[in-house]
């Protein structure tokens, strides 16, 4: 009689979706979506360029917070991480959560994080459907503001 197989732990950096696939494919797909929008001149090129910059900043803050947590030092307040995610750093936040295995089990944090990410995804989907194409940043911002005002009425 053979002993039952022991279920091994997942290797570091793996999730049930594969080797961090979900954490990389969602942000990559989102950035490609915005990049295609810029190439098609539906939105200003500054927008898809701003997300990687915000993501890098968010990722650095997550990494620093993880290091501080391991040392027992004074931590970055969660609202700062959420503000960075809300300001456009959510793709980098998702990648950093997976790479550093940080803040990915705390339900209250994850709830707010995913509300921020979903807000971006829904807002850009709405913008692509409702707002006419415009490559100039200031005219684009004006069109978005007009669409939001019309929606709010």
Protein backbone atom coordinates (compact mmCIF):
# COMPACT_ATOMS: atom_id res chain seq x y z
CA UNK A 1 0.00 0.00 0.00
CA UNK A 2 1.42 3.36 -0.99
CA UNK A 3 1.27 6.47 1.13
CA UNK A 4 -0.99 9.25 -0.14
CA UNK A 5 0.78 11.92 -2.12
CA UNK A 6 1.65 14.94 -0.08
CA UNK A 7 0.48 18.14 -1.65
CA UNK A 8 3.50 20.36 -1.97
CA UNK A 9 3.49 24.08 -1.46
CA UNK A 10 3.37 26.22 -4.56
CA UNK A 11 6.80 27.42 -5.62
CA UNK A 12 7.62 31.01 -4.75
CA UNK A 13 6.21 33.38 -7.33
CA UNK A 14 3.47 31.03 -8.51
CA UNK A 15 -0.24 31.41 -8.14
CA UNK A 16 -3.09 29.14 -9.07
CA UNK A 17 -3.20 31.07 -12.35
CA UNK A 18 0.41 30.19 -13.19
CA UNK A 19 3.69 32.01 -12.64
CA UNK A 20 2.24 35.38 -11.66
CA UNK A 21 0.31 35.40 -14.91
CA UNK A 22 -2.78 37.21 -13.68
CA UNK A 23 -0.71 39.90 -11.98
CA UNK A 24 1.12 40.58 -15.24
CA UNK A 25 -1.57 39.99 -17.87
CA UNK A 26 -4.23 42.29 -16.42
CA UNK A 27 -1.93 45.35 -16.22
CA UNK A 28 -0.32 44.47 -19.57
CA UNK A 29 -3.70 44.14 -21.25
CA UNK A 30 -4.85 47.43 -19.74
CA UNK A 31 -1.72 49.28 -20.87
CA UNK A 32 -2.02 47.76 -24.36
CA UNK A 33 -5.65 48.90 -24.44
CA UNK A 34 -4.58 52.47 -23.65
CA UNK A 35 -1.61 52.27 -26.02
CA UNK A 36 -3.85 51.17 -28.90
CA UNK A 37 -6.18 54.03 -28.03
CA UNK A 38 -3.28 56.47 -28.31
CA UNK A 39 -2.02 54.96 -31.58
CA UNK A 40 -5.54 55.20 -33.00
CA UNK A 41 -5.57 58.83 -31.80
CA UNK A 42 -8.59 58.20 -29.59
CA UNK A 43 -6.77 59.60 -26.57
CA UNK A 44 -3.63 61.64 -25.87
CA UNK A 45 -0.31 59.73 -25.77
CA UNK A 46 0.44 61.21 -22.33
CA UNK A 47 -2.19 58.98 -20.74
CA UNK A 48 -0.69 55.56 -21.56
CA UNK A 49 2.72 57.00 -20.64
CA UNK A 50 1.51 58.21 -17.24
CA UNK A 51 0.37 54.77 -16.09
CA UNK A 52 3.82 53.11 -16.23
CA UNK A 53 5.28 56.08 -14.32
CA UNK A 54 2.57 55.81 -11.64
CA UNK A 55 2.99 52.04 -11.57
CA UNK A 56 6.72 52.32 -11.00
CA UNK A 57 6.17 54.75 -8.14
CA UNK A 58 3.49 52.51 -6.62
CA UNK A 59 5.72 49.44 -6.96
CA UNK A 60 8.56 51.23 -5.18
CA UNK A 61 6.26 52.15 -2.29
CA UNK A 62 4.99 48.56 -1.99
CA UNK A 63 8.57 47.25 -2.00
CA UNK A 64 9.67 49.77 0.64
CA UNK A 65 6.66 48.92 2.80
CA UNK A 66 7.43 45.20 2.57
CA UNK A 67 11.04 45.84 3.60
CA UNK A 68 9.89 48.00 6.51
CA UNK A 69 7.41 45.31 7.58
CA UNK A 70 10.16 42.69 7.64
CA UNK A 71 12.40 44.94 9.72
CA UNK A 72 9.63 46.03 12.08
CA UNK A 73 10.16 49.68 11.09
CA UNK A 74 7.57 52.42 10.75
CA UNK A 75 5.28 51.44 7.85
CA UNK A 76 3.80 53.31 4.93
CA UNK A 77 0.15 54.05 5.78
CA UNK A 78 -2.26 51.97 3.73
CA UNK A 79 -4.10 55.05 2.52
CA UNK A 80 -0.87 56.20 0.81
CA UNK A 81 -0.69 52.92 -1.11
CA UNK A 82 -4.36 53.27 -2.00
CA UNK A 83 -3.88 56.87 -3.17
CA UNK A 84 -1.01 55.77 -5.42
CA UNK A 85 -3.20 52.99 -6.83
CA UNK A 86 -6.11 55.38 -7.33
CA UNK A 87 -3.82 57.92 -9.00
CA UNK A 88 -2.97 55.37 -11.70
CA UNK A 89 -0.40 53.16 -10.05
CA UNK A 90 -2.73 50.17 -9.68
CA UNK A 91 -0.97 48.09 -12.39
CA UNK A 92 2.35 48.41 -10.55
CA UNK A 93 0.58 47.82 -7.25
CA UNK A 94 -0.83 44.51 -8.50
CA UNK A 95 2.54 43.37 -9.80
CA UNK A 96 4.29 44.42 -6.57
CA UNK A 97 1.69 42.60 -4.45
CA UNK A 98 2.47 39.41 -6.35
CA UNK A 99 6.23 39.77 -6.59
CA UNK A 100 6.76 40.80 -2.96
CA UNK A 101 3.80 38.81 -1.61
CA UNK A 102 2.72 41.94 0.21
CA UNK A 103 -0.79 43.05 1.16
CA UNK A 104 -2.26 40.23 -0.92
CA UNK A 105 -4.02 38.44 1.96
CA UNK A 106 -5.50 41.36 3.88
CA UNK A 107 -9.15 41.44 2.81
CA UNK A 108 -9.82 45.06 3.78
CA UNK A 109 -6.80 46.22 1.77
CA UNK A 110 -7.67 44.02 -1.22
CA UNK A 111 -11.27 45.29 -1.25
CA UNK A 112 -10.18 48.92 -1.55
CA UNK A 113 -7.39 48.03 -3.99
CA UNK A 114 -9.77 46.21 -6.36
CA UNK A 115 -12.32 49.04 -6.12
CA UNK A 116 -9.55 51.41 -7.30
CA UNK A 117 -8.50 49.07 -10.13
CA UNK A 118 -12.11 48.40 -11.19
CA UNK A 119 -12.78 52.13 -11.14
CA UNK A 120 -9.98 52.68 -13.65
CA UNK A 121 -11.10 49.81 -15.87
CA UNK A 122 -14.75 50.90 -15.85
CA UNK A 123 -13.89 54.59 -16.33
CA UNK A 124 -11.68 53.90 -19.36
CA UNK A 125 -14.22 51.54 -20.87
CA UNK A 126 -16.87 54.25 -20.46
CA UNK A 127 -14.55 56.93 -21.88
CA UNK A 128 -13.81 54.86 -24.97
CA UNK A 129 -17.52 54.35 -25.61
CA UNK A 130 -18.87 57.82 -24.76
CA UNK A 131 -16.12 60.38 -25.37
CA UNK A 132 -15.30 61.29 -28.98
CA UNK A 133 -11.73 60.66 -30.09
CA UNK A 134 -9.27 63.44 -29.32
CA UNK A 135 -5.46 63.32 -29.31
CA UNK A 136 -4.93 66.75 -27.70
CA UNK A 137 -4.72 66.35 -23.93
CA UNK A 138 -6.57 69.51 -22.92
CA UNK A 139 -9.37 69.08 -25.46
CA UNK A 140 -9.64 65.43 -24.40
CA UNK A 141 -9.90 66.46 -20.72
CA UNK A 142 -12.61 68.98 -21.69
CA UNK A 143 -14.56 66.32 -23.56
CA UNK A 144 -14.31 63.91 -20.64
CA UNK A 145 -15.47 66.66 -18.24
CA UNK A 146 -18.41 67.47 -20.55
CA UNK A 147 -19.36 63.79 -20.77
CA UNK A 148 -19.19 63.40 -17.00
CA UNK A 149 -21.33 66.53 -16.51
CA UNK A 150 -23.90 65.25 -19.01
CA UNK A 151 -23.92 61.86 -17.30
CA UNK A 152 -24.42 63.46 -13.88
CA UNK A 153 -27.52 65.35 -15.02
